[in-house]
Amino acid sequence: MAEAADFALEPPFAQKFKASRVKEIIGSVLVARLSGQQYHADNTSSWAREIADEIKNKLKEENWSRYKYVVQVFIAEQRGEGVRLACRGFWDPNTDNYAHDTFSNESLFCVATAFGVYLY
């Protein structure tokens, strides 16, 4: 029978979800996918799904073991109006984290958020 000391309840520092690195990943994906694009309501659903999948796949490449990723992408037309987005969750602040980034041009804006939740 394994002793409690054999099972880590937290990842080592090098394996923790790093919000700064995640923000870089999100920003690079948004710029690559949305630069030069014009808002069209028929495209936003597929764009959001594709962007979320790409961000999630790049997070998996970081090899942060035992993390579950949740990615949310919001795309809307640029009209000069404000928008507020909120989320709530229950997690362990020692292991779980999130990062977000935004992209905007004359036609559209996008907010992408990625959550990393450590699986015990």
PDB file of N, CA and C in Angstrom:
ATOM      1  N   MET A   1       0.844  -1.176   0.000  1.00  0.00           N
ATOM      2  CA  MET A   1       0.000   0.000   0.000  1.00  0.00           C
ATOM      3  C   MET A   1       0.889   1.240   0.000  1.00  0.00           C
ATOM      4  N   ALA A   2       0.561   2.202  -0.865  1.00  0.00           N
ATOM      5  CA  ALA A   2       1.375   3.407  -0.982  1.00  0.00           C
ATOM      6  C   ALA A   2       1.147   4.323   0.208  1.00  0.00           C
ATOM      7  N   GLU A   3       2.208   4.926   0.652  1.00  0.00           N
ATOM      8  CA  GLU A   3       2.102   5.883   1.745  1.00  0.00           C
ATOM      9  C   GLU A   3       1.722   7.243   1.186  1.00  0.00           C
ATOM     10  N   ALA A   4       1.201   8.101   2.045  1.00  0.00           N
ATOM     11  CA  ALA A   4       0.760   9.425   1.620  1.00  0.00           C
ATOM     12  C   ALA A   4       1.902  10.230   1.022  1.00  0.00           C
ATOM     13  N   ALA A   5       3.122  10.040   1.466  1.00  0.00           N
ATOM     14  CA  ALA A   5       4.267  10.787   0.961  1.00  0.00           C
ATOM     15  C   ALA A   5       4.578  10.422  -0.488  1.00  0.00           C
ATOM     16  N   ASP A   6       4.099   9.294  -0.974  1.00  0.00           N
ATOM     17  CA  ASP A   6       4.365   8.862  -2.340  1.00  0.00           C
ATOM     18  C   ASP A   6       3.477   9.566  -3.359  1.00  0.00           C
ATOM     19  N   PHE A   7       2.426  10.185  -2.918  1.00  0.00           N
ATOM     20  CA  PHE A   7       1.477  10.811  -3.821  1.00  0.00           C
ATOM     21  C   PHE A   7       1.497  12.326  -3.615  1.00  0.00           C
ATOM     22  N   ALA A   8       1.911  13.063  -4.628  1.00  0.00           N
ATOM     23  CA  ALA A   8       2.020  14.521  -4.532  1.00  0.00           C
ATOM     24  C   ALA A   8       0.636  15.155  -4.702  1.00  0.00           C
ATOM     25  N   LEU A   9       0.290  16.028  -3.775  1.00  0.00           N
ATOM     26  CA  LEU A   9      -0.979  16.745  -3.874  1.00  0.00           C
ATOM     27  C   LEU A   9      -0.862  18.036  -4.661  1.00  0.00           C
ATOM     28  N   GLU A  10       0.363  18.454  -4.932  1.00  0.00           N
ATOM     29  CA  GLU A  10       0.593  19.653  -5.735  1.00  0.00           C
ATOM     30  C   GLU A  10       1.704  19.357  -6.729  1.00  0.00           C
ATOM     31  N   PRO A  11       1.648  20.011  -7.891  1.00  0.00           N
ATOM     32  CA  PRO A  11       2.717  19.792  -8.857  1.00  0.00           C
ATOM     33  C   PRO A  11       3.995  20.504  -8.407  1.00  0.00           C
ATOM     34  N   PRO A  12       5.158  20.018  -8.834  1.00  0.00           N
ATOM     35  CA  PRO A  12       6.377  20.771  -8.558  1.00  0.00           C
ATOM     36  C   PRO A  12       6.309  22.118  -9.277  1.00  0.00           C
ATOM     37  N   PHE A  13       7.066  23.079  -8.807  1.00  0.00           N
ATOM     38  CA  PHE A  13       6.991  24.437  -9.359  1.00  0.00           C
ATOM     39  C   PHE A  13       7.132  24.441 -10.884  1.00  0.00           C
ATOM     40  N   ALA A  14       8.043  23.671 -11.422  1.00  0.00           N
ATOM     41  CA  ALA A  14       8.282  23.646 -12.868  1.00  0.00           C
ATOM     42  C   ALA A  14       7.076  23.119 -13.645  1.00  0.00           C
ATOM     43  N   GLN A  15       6.194  22.383 -12.987  1.00  0.00           N
ATOM     44  CA  GLN A  15       5.037  21.792 -13.650  1.00  0.00           C
ATOM     45  C   GLN A  15       3.736  22.553 -13.407  1.00  0.00           C
ATOM     46  N   LYS A  16       3.808  23.707 -12.719  1.00  0.00           N
ATOM     47  CA  LYS A  16       2.594  24.475 -12.455  1.00  0.00           C
ATOM     48  C   LYS A  16       2.141  25.243 -13.691  1.00  0.00           C
ATOM     49  N   PHE A  17       0.847  25.420 -13.814  1.00  0.00           N
ATOM     50  CA  PHE A  17       0.222  26.220 -14.854  1.00  0.00           C
ATOM     51  C   PHE A  17       0.735  27.650 -14.720  1.00  0.00           C
ATOM     52  N   LYS A  18       1.404  28.144 -15.746  1.00  0.00           N
ATOM     53  CA  LYS A  18       2.031  29.470 -15.694  1.00  0.00           C
ATOM     54  C   LYS A  18       1.201  30.468 -16.491  1.00  0.00           C
ATOM     55  N   ALA A  19       0.529  31.354 -15.784  1.00  0.00           N
ATOM     56  CA  ALA A  19      -0.385  32.307 -16.419  1.00  0.00           C
ATOM     57  C   ALA A  19       0.324  33.185 -17.444  1.00  0.00           C
ATOM     58  N   SER A  20       1.556  33.593 -17.172  1.00  0.00           N
ATOM     59  CA  SER A  20       2.267  34.457 -18.122  1.00  0.00           C
ATOM     60  C   SER A  20       2.532  33.732 -19.436  1.00  0.00           C
ATOM     61  N   ARG A  21       2.899  32.466 -19.369  1.00  0.00           N
ATOM     62  CA  ARG A  21       3.133  31.678 -20.582  1.00  0.00           C
ATOM     63  C   ARG A  21       1.828  31.442 -21.324  1.00  0.00           C
ATOM     64  N   VAL A  22       0.756  31.188 -20.592  1.00  0.00           N
ATOM     65  CA  VAL A  22      -0.552  30.961 -21.217  1.00  0.00           C
ATOM     66  C   VAL A  22      -1.022  32.223 -21.932  1.00  0.00           C
ATOM     67  N   LYS A  23      -0.803  33.381 -21.330  1.00  0.00           N
ATOM     68  CA  LYS A  23      -1.178  34.648 -21.971  1.00  0.00           C
ATOM     69  C   LYS A  23      -0.423  34.832 -23.287  1.00  0.00           C
ATOM     70  N   GLU A  24       0.856  34.467 -23.323  1.00  0.00           N
ATOM     71  CA  GLU A  24       1.635  34.534 -24.568  1.00  0.00           C
ATOM     72  C   GLU A  24       1.032  33.627 -25.637  1.00  0.00           C
ATOM     73  N   ILE A  25       0.669  32.426 -25.244  1.00  0.00           N
ATOM     74  CA  ILE A  25       0.080  31.467 -26.181  1.00  0.00           C
ATOM     75  C   ILE A  25      -1.230  32.014 -26.734  1.00  0.00           C
ATOM     76  N   ILE A  26      -2.090  32.485 -25.857  1.00  0.00           N
ATOM     77  CA  ILE A  26      -3.384  33.024 -26.288  1.00  0.00           C
ATOM     78  C   ILE A  26      -3.176  34.188 -27.241  1.00  0.00           C
ATOM     79  N   GLY A  27      -2.302  35.124 -26.866  1.00  0.00           N
ATOM     80  CA  GLY A  27      -2.055  36.300 -27.701  1.00  0.00           C
ATOM     81  C   GLY A  27      -1.550  35.935 -29.084  1.00  0.00           C
ATOM     82  N   SER A  28      -0.630  34.985 -29.168  1.00  0.00           N
ATOM     83  CA  SER A  28      -0.084  34.607 -30.477  1.00  0.00           C
ATOM     84  C   SER A  28      -1.147  33.941 -31.348  1.00  0.00           C
ATOM     85  N   VAL A  29      -2.006  33.120 -30.754  1.00  0.00           N
ATOM     86  CA  VAL A  29      -3.076  32.478 -31.516  1.00  0.00           C
ATOM     87  C   VAL A  29      -4.074  33.515 -32.015  1.00  0.00           C
ATOM     88  N   LEU A  30      -4.455  34.448 -31.159  1.00  0.00           N
ATOM     89  CA  LEU A  30      -5.426  35.464 -31.570  1.00  0.00           C
ATOM     90  C   LEU A  30      -4.896  36.321 -32.715  1.00  0.00           C
ATOM     91  N   VAL A  31      -3.648  36.748 -32.609  1.00  0.00           N
ATOM     92  CA  VAL A  31      -3.062  37.575 -33.675  1.00  0.00           C
ATOM     93  C   VAL A  31      -2.982  36.792 -34.979  1.00  0.00           C
ATOM     94  N   ALA A  32      -2.518  35.539 -34.896  1.00  0.00           N
ATOM     95  CA  ALA A  32      -2.380  34.727 -36.105  1.00  0.00           C
ATOM     96  C   ALA A  32      -3.728  34.455 -36.773  1.00  0.00           C
ATOM     97  N   ARG A  33      -4.756  34.224 -35.983  1.00  0.00           N
ATOM     98  CA  ARG A  33      -6.053  33.827 -36.542  1.00  0.00           C
ATOM     99  C   ARG A  33      -6.946  35.008 -36.927  1.00  0.00           C
ATOM    100  N   LEU A  34      -6.789  36.165 -36.254  1.00  0.00           N
ATOM    101  CA  LEU A  34      -7.765  37.244 -36.451  1.00  0.00           C
ATOM    102  C   LEU A  34      -7.218  38.490 -37.138  1.00  0.00           C
ATOM    103  N   SER A  35      -5.917  38.597 -37.293  1.00  0.00           N
ATOM    104  CA  SER A  35      -5.358  39.772 -37.982  1.00  0.00           C
ATOM    105  C   SER A  35      -5.905  39.838 -39.400  1.00  0.00           C
ATOM    106  N   GLY A  36      -6.415  41.003 -39.761  1.00  0.00           N
ATOM    107  CA  GLY A  36      -6.941  41.216 -41.105  1.00  0.00           C
ATOM    108  C   GLY A  36      -8.342  40.682 -41.333  1.00  0.00           C
ATOM    109  N   GLN A  37      -8.948  40.057 -40.336  1.00  0.00           N
ATOM    110  CA  GLN A  37     -10.302  39.512 -40.495  1.00  0.00           C
ATOM    111  C   GLN A  37     -11.351  40.601 -40.285  1.00  0.00           C
ATOM    112  N   GLN A  38     -12.471  40.439 -40.954  1.00  0.00           N
ATOM    113  CA  GLN A  38     -13.615  41.323 -40.793  1.00  0.00           C
ATOM    114  C   GLN A  38     -14.717  40.550 -40.082  1.00  0.00           C
ATOM    115  N   TYR A  39     -15.459  41.250 -39.207  1.00  0.00           N
ATOM    116  CA  TYR A  39     -16.537  40.595 -38.483  1.00  0.00           C
ATOM    117  C   TYR A  39     -17.639  40.185 -39.441  1.00  0.00           C
ATOM    118  N   HIS A  40     -18.085  38.958 -39.303  1.00  0.00           N
ATOM    119  CA  HIS A  40     -19.260  38.462 -40.001  1.00  0.00           C
ATOM    120  C   HIS A  40     -19.892  37.424 -39.084  1.00  0.00           C
ATOM    121  N   ALA A  41     -21.138  37.633 -38.725  1.00  0.00           N
ATOM    122  CA  ALA A  41     -21.811  36.782 -37.741  1.00  0.00           C
ATOM    123  C   ALA A  41     -21.773  35.302 -38.105  1.00  0.00           C
ATOM    124  N   ASP A  42     -21.799  34.985 -39.387  1.00  0.00           N
ATOM    125  CA  ASP A  42     -21.794  33.580 -39.802  1.00  0.00           C
ATOM    126  C   ASP A  42     -20.465  32.886 -39.520  1.00  0.00           C
ATOM    127  N   ASN A  43     -19.376  33.654 -39.389  1.00  0.00           N
ATOM    128  CA  ASN A  43     -18.044  33.069 -39.196  1.00  0.00           C
ATOM    129  C   ASN A  43     -17.657  32.917 -37.725  1.00  0.00           C
ATOM    130  N   THR A  44     -18.246  33.705 -36.859  1.00  0.00           N
ATOM    131  CA  THR A  44     -17.728  33.781 -35.485  1.00  0.00           C
ATOM    132  C   THR A  44     -17.854  32.471 -34.713  1.00  0.00           C
ATOM    133  N   SER A  45     -18.890  31.711 -34.948  1.00  0.00           N
ATOM    134  CA  SER A  45     -19.052  30.456 -34.227  1.00  0.00           C
ATOM    135  C   SER A  45     -17.915  29.483 -34.556  1.00  0.00           C
ATOM    136  N   SER A  46     -17.628  29.320 -35.824  1.00  0.00           N
ATOM    137  CA  SER A  46     -16.547  28.398 -36.202  1.00  0.00           C
ATOM    138  C   SER A  46     -15.190  28.964 -35.806  1.00  0.00           C
ATOM    139  N   TRP A  47     -14.987  30.270 -35.942  1.00  0.00           N
ATOM    140  CA  TRP A  47     -13.719  30.878 -35.514  1.00  0.00           C
ATOM    141  C   TRP A  47     -13.482  30.640 -34.027  1.00  0.00           C
ATOM    142  N   ALA A  48     -14.497  30.875 -33.213  1.00  0.00           N
ATOM    143  CA  ALA A  48     -14.358  30.712 -31.765  1.00  0.00           C
ATOM    144  C   ALA A  48     -14.000  29.268 -31.423  1.00  0.00           C
ATOM    145  N   ARG A  49     -14.651  28.319 -32.049  1.00  0.00           N
ATOM    146  CA  ARG A  49     -14.381  26.900 -31.799  1.00  0.00           C
ATOM    147  C   ARG A  49     -12.952  26.537 -32.230  1.00  0.00           C
ATOM    148  N   GLU A  50     -12.547  26.997 -33.411  1.00  0.00           N
ATOM    149  CA  GLU A  50     -11.211  26.697 -33.919  1.00  0.00           C
ATOM    150  C   GLU A  50     -10.121  27.336 -33.055  1.00  0.00           C
ATOM    151  N   ILE A  51     -10.340  28.576 -32.631  1.00  0.00           N
ATOM    152  CA  ILE A  51      -9.366  29.272 -31.783  1.00  0.00           C
ATOM    153  C   ILE A  51      -9.251  28.569 -30.436  1.00  0.00           C
ATOM    154  N   ALA A  52     -10.386  28.213 -29.850  1.00  0.00           N
ATOM    155  CA  ALA A  52     -10.364  27.512 -28.556  1.00  0.00           C
ATOM    156  C   ALA A  52      -9.615  26.183 -28.677  1.00  0.00           C
ATOM    157  N   ASP A  53      -9.871  25.439 -29.738  1.00  0.00           N
ATOM    158  CA  ASP A  53      -9.179  24.162 -29.933  1.00  0.00           C
ATOM    159  C   ASP A  53      -7.677  24.366 -30.111  1.00  0.00           C
ATOM    160  N   GLU A  54      -7.289  25.385 -30.865  1.00  0.00           N
ATOM    161  CA  GLU A  54      -5.870  25.640 -31.084  1.00  0.00           C
ATOM    162  C   GLU A  54      -5.169  26.026 -29.780  1.00  0.00           C
ATOM    163  N   ILE A  55      -5.805  26.881 -28.990  1.00  0.00           N
ATOM    164  CA  ILE A  55      -5.225  27.268 -27.695  1.00  0.00           C
ATOM    165  C   ILE A  55      -5.085  26.033 -26.800  1.00  0.00           C
ATOM    166  N   LYS A  56      -6.124  25.223 -26.735  1.00  0.00           N
ATOM    167  CA  LYS A  56      -6.088  24.028 -25.890  1.00  0.00           C
ATOM    168  C   LYS A  56      -4.979  23.072 -26.334  1.00  0.00           C
ATOM    169  N   ASN A  57      -4.816  22.886 -27.633  1.00  0.00           N
ATOM    170  CA  ASN A  57      -3.763  22.006 -28.136  1.00  0.00           C
ATOM    171  C   ASN A  57      -2.373  22.540 -27.806  1.00  0.00           C
ATOM    172  N   LYS A  58      -2.191  23.850 -27.900  1.00  0.00           N
ATOM    173  CA  LYS A  58      -0.891  24.438 -27.551  1.00  0.00           C
ATOM    174  C   LYS A  58      -0.619  24.319 -26.048  1.00  0.00           C
ATOM    175  N   LEU A  59      -1.665  24.407 -25.227  1.00  0.00           N
ATOM    176  CA  LEU A  59      -1.486  24.214 -23.789  1.00  0.00           C
ATOM    177  C   LEU A  59      -1.059  22.782 -23.492  1.00  0.00           C
ATOM    178  N   LYS A  60      -1.631  21.829 -24.189  1.00  0.00           N
ATOM    179  CA  LYS A  60      -1.248  20.429 -23.993  1.00  0.00           C
ATOM    180  C   LYS A  60       0.220  20.207 -24.350  1.00  0.00           C
ATOM    181  N   GLU A  61       0.729  20.954 -25.339  1.00  0.00           N
ATOM    182  CA  GLU A  61       2.130  20.829 -25.739  1.00  0.00           C
ATOM    183  C   GLU A  61       3.094  21.305 -24.645  1.00  0.00           C
ATOM    184  N   GLU A  62       2.600  22.083 -23.697  1.00  0.00           N
ATOM    185  CA  GLU A  62       3.446  22.564 -22.599  1.00  0.00           C
ATOM    186  C   GLU A  62       3.776  21.447 -21.607  1.00  0.00           C
ATOM    187  N   ASN A  63       3.054  20.332 -21.685  1.00  0.00           N
ATOM    188  CA  ASN A  63       3.303  19.150 -20.840  1.00  0.00           C
ATOM    189  C   ASN A  63       3.216  19.430 -19.341  1.00  0.00           C
ATOM    190  N   TRP A  64       2.238  20.202 -18.938  1.00  0.00           N
ATOM    191  CA  TRP A  64       1.964  20.373 -17.515  1.00  0.00           C
ATOM    192  C   TRP A  64       1.091  19.191 -17.118  1.00  0.00           C
ATOM    193  N   SER A  65       1.701  18.201 -16.506  1.00  0.00           N
ATOM    194  CA  SER A  65       0.989  16.954 -16.239  1.00  0.00           C
ATOM    195  C   SER A  65      -0.143  17.143 -15.225  1.00  0.00           C
ATOM    196  N   ARG A  66      -1.180  16.343 -15.421  1.00  0.00           N
ATOM    197  CA  ARG A  66      -2.351  16.285 -14.547  1.00  0.00           C
ATOM    198  C   ARG A  66      -3.172  17.571 -14.535  1.00  0.00           C
ATOM    199  N   TYR A  67      -3.099  18.372 -15.589  1.00  0.00           N
ATOM    200  CA  TYR A  67      -3.940  19.562 -15.697  1.00  0.00           C
ATOM    201  C   TYR A  67      -5.050  19.323 -16.711  1.00  0.00           C
ATOM    202  N   LYS A  68      -6.217  19.822 -16.377  1.00  0.00           N
ATOM    203  CA  LYS A  68      -7.365  19.839 -17.275  1.00  0.00           C
ATOM    204  C   LYS A  68      -7.514  21.281 -17.734  1.00  0.00           C
ATOM    205  N   TYR A  69      -7.730  21.479 -19.036  1.00  0.00           N
ATOM    206  CA  TYR A  69      -7.830  22.824 -19.583  1.00  0.00           C
ATOM    207  C   TYR A  69      -9.248  23.120 -20.040  1.00  0.00           C
ATOM    208  N   VAL A  70      -9.689  24.322 -19.756  1.00  0.00           N
ATOM    209  CA  VAL A  70     -10.968  24.821 -20.230  1.00  0.00           C
ATOM    210  C   VAL A  70     -10.676  26.140 -20.931  1.00  0.00           C
ATOM    211  N   VAL A  71     -11.111  26.270 -22.181  1.00  0.00           N
ATOM    212  CA  VAL A  71     -10.834  27.474 -22.959  1.00  0.00           C
ATOM    213  C   VAL A  71     -12.152  28.072 -23.419  1.00  0.00           C
ATOM    214  N   GLN A  72     -12.303  29.364 -23.184  1.00  0.00           N
ATOM    215  CA  GLN A  72     -13.508  30.094 -23.584  1.00  0.00           C
ATOM    216  C   GLN A  72     -13.101  31.215 -24.527  1.00  0.00           C
ATOM    217  N   VAL A  73     -13.786  31.335 -25.666  1.00  0.00           N
ATOM    218  CA  VAL A  73     -13.482  32.376 -26.648  1.00  0.00           C
ATOM    219  C   VAL A  73     -14.765  33.126 -26.963  1.00  0.00           C
ATOM    220  N   PHE A  74     -14.679  34.447 -26.901  1.00  0.00           N
ATOM    221  CA  PHE A  74     -15.823  35.325 -27.146  1.00  0.00           C
ATOM    222  C   PHE A  74     -15.441  36.280 -28.266  1.00  0.00           C
ATOM    223  N   ILE A  75     -16.176  36.276 -29.381  1.00  0.00           N
ATOM    224  CA  ILE A  75     -15.914  37.164 -30.518  1.00  0.00           C
ATOM    225  C   ILE A  75     -17.171  37.989 -30.769  1.00  0.00           C
ATOM    226  N   ALA A  76     -16.991  39.288 -30.946  1.00  0.00           N
ATOM    227  CA  ALA A  76     -18.137  40.161 -31.206  1.00  0.00           C
ATOM    228  C   ALA A  76     -17.726  41.294 -32.140  1.00  0.00           C
ATOM    229  N   GLU A  77     -18.728  41.950 -32.676  1.00  0.00           N
ATOM    230  CA  GLU A  77     -18.498  43.069 -33.580  1.00  0.00           C
ATOM    231  C   GLU A  77     -18.027  44.288 -32.796  1.00  0.00           C
ATOM    232  N   GLN A  78     -17.083  45.001 -33.378  1.00  0.00           N
ATOM    233  CA  GLN A  78     -16.547  46.214 -32.773  1.00  0.00           C
ATOM    234  C   GLN A  78     -17.521  47.362 -33.065  1.00  0.00           C
ATOM    235  N   ARG A  79     -18.197  47.825 -32.029  1.00  0.00           N
ATOM    236  CA  ARG A  79     -19.158  48.924 -32.189  1.00  0.00           C
ATOM    237  C   ARG A  79     -18.845  50.089 -31.275  1.00  0.00           C
ATOM    238  N   GLY A  80     -17.769  49.994 -30.535  1.00  0.00           N
ATOM    239  CA  GLY A  80     -17.416  51.053 -29.611  1.00  0.00           C
ATOM    240  C   GLY A  80     -18.150  50.972 -28.285  1.00  0.00           C
ATOM    241  N   GLU A  81     -18.906  49.905 -28.092  1.00  0.00           N
ATOM    242  CA  GLU A  81     -19.627  49.722 -26.838  1.00  0.00           C
ATOM    243  C   GLU A  81     -18.801  48.859 -25.901  1.00  0.00           C
ATOM    244  N   GLY A  82     -19.063  48.960 -24.640  1.00  0.00           N
ATOM    245  CA  GLY A  82     -18.362  48.140 -23.663  1.00  0.00           C
ATOM    246  C   GLY A  82     -19.031  46.785 -23.492  1.00  0.00           C
ATOM    247  N   VAL A  83     -18.280  45.865 -22.931  1.00  0.00           N
ATOM    248  CA  VAL A  83     -18.823  44.547 -22.619  1.00  0.00           C
ATOM    249  C   VAL A  83     -18.169  44.081 -21.331  1.00  0.00           C
ATOM    250  N   ARG A  84     -18.907  43.349 -20.537  1.00  0.00           N
ATOM    251  CA  ARG A  84     -18.369  42.765 -19.304  1.00  0.00           C
ATOM    252  C   ARG A  84     -18.573  41.270 -19.352  1.00  0.00           C
ATOM    253  N   LEU A  85     -17.516  40.561 -19.053  1.00  0.00           N
ATOM    254  CA  LEU A  85     -17.581  39.102 -18.989  1.00  0.00           C
ATOM    255  C   LEU A  85     -17.190  38.687 -17.584  1.00  0.00           C
ATOM    256  N   ALA A  86     -17.820  37.656 -17.075  1.00  0.00           N
ATOM    257  CA  ALA A  86     -17.504  37.179 -15.732  1.00  0.00           C
ATOM    258  C   ALA A  86     -17.546  35.656 -15.729  1.00  0.00           C
ATOM    259  N   CYS A  87     -16.858  35.075 -14.784  1.00  0.00           N
ATOM    260  CA  CYS A  87     -16.910  33.635 -14.590  1.00  0.00           C
ATOM    261  C   CYS A  87     -16.721  33.357 -13.107  1.00  0.00           C
ATOM    262  N   ARG A  88     -17.177  32.210 -12.704  1.00  0.00           N
ATOM    263  CA  ARG A  88     -17.007  31.786 -11.314  1.00  0.00           C
ATOM    264  C   ARG A  88     -16.581  30.338 -11.309  1.00  0.00           C
ATOM    265  N   GLY A  89     -15.832  29.989 -10.312  1.00  0.00           N
ATOM    266  CA  GLY A  89     -15.398  28.611 -10.209  1.00  0.00           C
ATOM    267  C   GLY A  89     -14.960  28.310  -8.794  1.00  0.00           C
ATOM    268  N   PHE A  90     -14.802  27.052  -8.534  1.00  0.00           N
ATOM    269  CA  PHE A  90     -14.335  26.588  -7.234  1.00  0.00           C
ATOM    270  C   PHE A  90     -13.064  25.806  -7.496  1.00  0.00           C
ATOM    271  N   TRP A  91     -11.950  26.329  -6.971  1.00  0.00           N
ATOM    272  CA  TRP A  91     -10.695  25.660  -7.231  1.00  0.00           C
ATOM    273  C   TRP A  91      -9.686  25.904  -6.141  1.00  0.00           C
ATOM    274  N   ASP A  92      -8.543  25.272  -6.287  1.00  0.00           N
ATOM    275  CA  ASP A  92      -7.448  25.382  -5.335  1.00  0.00           C
ATOM    276  C   ASP A  92      -6.489  26.468  -5.812  1.00  0.00           C
ATOM    277  N   PRO A  93      -6.373  27.576  -5.092  1.00  0.00           N
ATOM    278  CA  PRO A  93      -5.501  28.670  -5.549  1.00  0.00           C
ATOM    279  C   PRO A  93      -4.014  28.303  -5.544  1.00  0.00           C
ATOM    280  N   ASN A  94      -3.639  27.205  -4.905  1.00  0.00           N
ATOM    281  CA  ASN A  94      -2.241  26.773  -4.915  1.00  0.00           C
ATOM    282  C   ASN A  94      -1.854  26.052  -6.199  1.00  0.00           C
ATOM    283  N   THR A  95      -2.838  25.487  -6.904  1.00  0.00           N
ATOM    284  CA  THR A  95      -2.517  24.697  -8.093  1.00  0.00           C
ATOM    285  C   THR A  95      -3.225  25.185  -9.348  1.00  0.00           C
ATOM    286  N   ASP A  96      -4.417  25.738  -9.219  1.00  0.00           N
ATOM    287  CA  ASP A  96      -5.226  26.117 -10.372  1.00  0.00           C
ATOM    288  C   ASP A  96      -5.002  27.590 -10.705  1.00  0.00           C
ATOM    289  N   ASN A  97      -5.180  27.932 -11.988  1.00  0.00           N
ATOM    290  CA  ASN A  97      -4.969  29.316 -12.401  1.00  0.00           C
ATOM    291  C   ASN A  97      -5.651  29.543 -13.737  1.00  0.00           C
ATOM    292  N   TYR A  98      -5.596  30.774 -14.203  1.00  0.00           N
ATOM    293  CA  TYR A  98      -6.162  31.111 -15.503  1.00  0.00           C
ATOM    294  C   TYR A  98      -5.379  32.265 -16.101  1.00  0.00           C
ATOM    295  N   ALA A  99      -5.580  32.483 -17.390  1.00  0.00           N
ATOM    296  CA  ALA A  99      -4.993  33.622 -18.084  1.00  0.00           C
ATOM    297  C   ALA A  99      -5.949  34.024 -19.202  1.00  0.00           C
ATOM    298  N   HIS A 100      -5.887  35.273 -19.588  1.00  0.00           N
ATOM    299  CA  HIS A 100      -6.723  35.738 -20.695  1.00  0.00           C
ATOM    300  C   HIS A 100      -5.964  36.779 -21.504  1.00  0.00           C
ATOM    301  N   ASP A 101      -6.425  36.983 -22.713  1.00  0.00           N
ATOM    302  CA  ASP A 101      -5.877  38.031 -23.562  1.00  0.00           C
ATOM    303  C   ASP A 101      -6.983  38.489 -24.499  1.00  0.00           C
ATOM    304  N   THR A 102      -6.779  39.655 -25.076  1.00  0.00           N
ATOM    305  CA  THR A 102      -7.776  40.219 -25.978  1.00  0.00           C
ATOM    306  C   THR A 102      -7.122  40.593 -27.304  1.00  0.00           C
ATOM    307  N   PHE A 103      -7.952  40.657 -28.320  1.00  0.00           N
ATOM    308  CA  PHE A 103      -7.529  41.105 -29.646  1.00  0.00           C
ATOM    309  C   PHE A 103      -8.640  41.998 -30.165  1.00  0.00           C
ATOM    310  N   SER A 104      -8.267  43.072 -30.831  1.00  0.00           N
ATOM    311  CA  SER A 104      -9.288  43.898 -31.481  1.00  0.00           C
ATOM    312  C   SER A 104      -8.706  44.549 -32.721  1.00  0.00           C
ATOM    313  N   ASN A 105      -9.583  44.781 -33.679  1.00  0.00           N
ATOM    314  CA  ASN A 105      -9.245  45.573 -34.856  1.00  0.00           C
ATOM    315  C   ASN A 105     -10.441  46.480 -35.133  1.00  0.00           C
ATOM    316  N   GLU A 106     -10.494  47.094 -36.288  1.00  0.00           N
ATOM    317  CA  GLU A 106     -11.585  48.023 -36.594  1.00  0.00           C
ATOM    318  C   GLU A 106     -12.937  47.333 -36.696  1.00  0.00           C
ATOM    319  N   SER A 107     -12.955  46.032 -36.930  1.00  0.00           N
ATOM    320  CA  SER A 107     -14.186  45.316 -37.204  1.00  0.00           C
ATOM    321  C   SER A 107     -14.677  44.433 -36.061  1.00  0.00           C
ATOM    322  N   LEU A 108     -13.741  43.856 -35.276  1.00  0.00           N
ATOM    323  CA  LEU A 108     -14.152  42.883 -34.265  1.00  0.00           C
ATOM    324  C   LEU A 108     -13.253  42.958 -33.042  1.00  0.00           C
ATOM    325  N   PHE A 109     -13.720  42.311 -31.977  1.00  0.00           N
ATOM    326  CA  PHE A 109     -12.863  42.110 -30.814  1.00  0.00           C
ATOM    327  C   PHE A 109     -13.083  40.693 -30.304  1.00  0.00           C
ATOM    328  N   CYS A 110     -12.060  40.199 -29.623  1.00  0.00           N
ATOM    329  CA  CYS A 110     -12.099  38.832 -29.128  1.00  0.00           C
ATOM    330  C   CYS A 110     -11.462  38.785 -27.754  1.00  0.00           C
ATOM    331  N   VAL A 111     -12.091  38.060 -26.856  1.00  0.00           N
ATOM    332  CA  VAL A 111     -11.538  37.796 -25.525  1.00  0.00           C
ATOM    333  C   VAL A 111     -11.431  36.282 -25.392  1.00  0.00           C
ATOM    334  N   ALA A 112     -10.228  35.811 -25.072  1.00  0.00           N
ATOM    335  CA  ALA A 112     -10.023  34.371 -24.884  1.00  0.00           C
ATOM    336  C   ALA A 112      -9.483  34.154 -23.471  1.00  0.00           C
ATOM    337  N   THR A 113     -10.033  33.171 -22.788  1.00  0.00           N
ATOM    338  CA  THR A 113      -9.624  32.830 -21.433  1.00  0.00           C
ATOM    339  C   THR A 113      -9.327  31.338 -21.379  1.00  0.00           C
ATOM    340  N   ALA A 114      -8.215  31.004 -20.714  1.00  0.00           N
ATOM    341  CA  ALA A 114      -7.862  29.597 -20.540  1.00  0.00           C
ATOM    342  C   ALA A 114      -7.706  29.324 -19.051  1.00  0.00           C
ATOM    343  N   PHE A 115      -8.331  28.268 -18.585  1.00  0.00           N
ATOM    344  CA  PHE A 115      -8.275  27.846 -17.190  1.00  0.00           C
ATOM    345  C   PHE A 115      -7.486  26.552 -17.109  1.00  0.00           C
ATOM    346  N   GLY A 116      -6.614  26.465 -16.126  1.00  0.00           N
ATOM    347  CA  GLY A 116      -5.878  25.231 -15.857  1.00  0.00           C
ATOM    348  C   GLY A 116      -6.259  24.723 -14.480  1.00  0.00           C
ATOM    349  N   VAL A 117      -6.867  23.542 -14.418  1.00  0.00           N
ATOM    350  CA  VAL A 117      -7.318  22.962 -13.162  1.00  0.00           C
ATOM    351  C   VAL A 117      -6.538  21.674 -12.929  1.00  0.00           C
ATOM    352  N   TYR A 118      -5.860  21.601 -11.792  1.00  0.00           N
ATOM    353  CA  TYR A 118      -5.022  20.458 -11.469  1.00  0.00           C
ATOM    354  C   TYR A 118      -5.875  19.291 -10.984  1.00  0.00           C
ATOM    355  N   LEU A 119      -5.628  18.120 -11.525  1.00  0.00           N
ATOM    356  CA  LEU A 119      -6.380  16.929 -11.138  1.00  0.00           C
ATOM    357  C   LEU A 119      -5.616  16.191 -10.052  1.00  0.00           C
ATOM    358  N   TYR A 120      -6.231  16.014  -8.894  1.00  0.00           N
ATOM    359  CA  TYR A 120      -5.599  15.329  -7.779  1.00  0.00           C
ATOM    360  C   TYR A 120      -5.644  13.846  -7.955  1.00  0.00           C
TER     361      TYR A 120
END
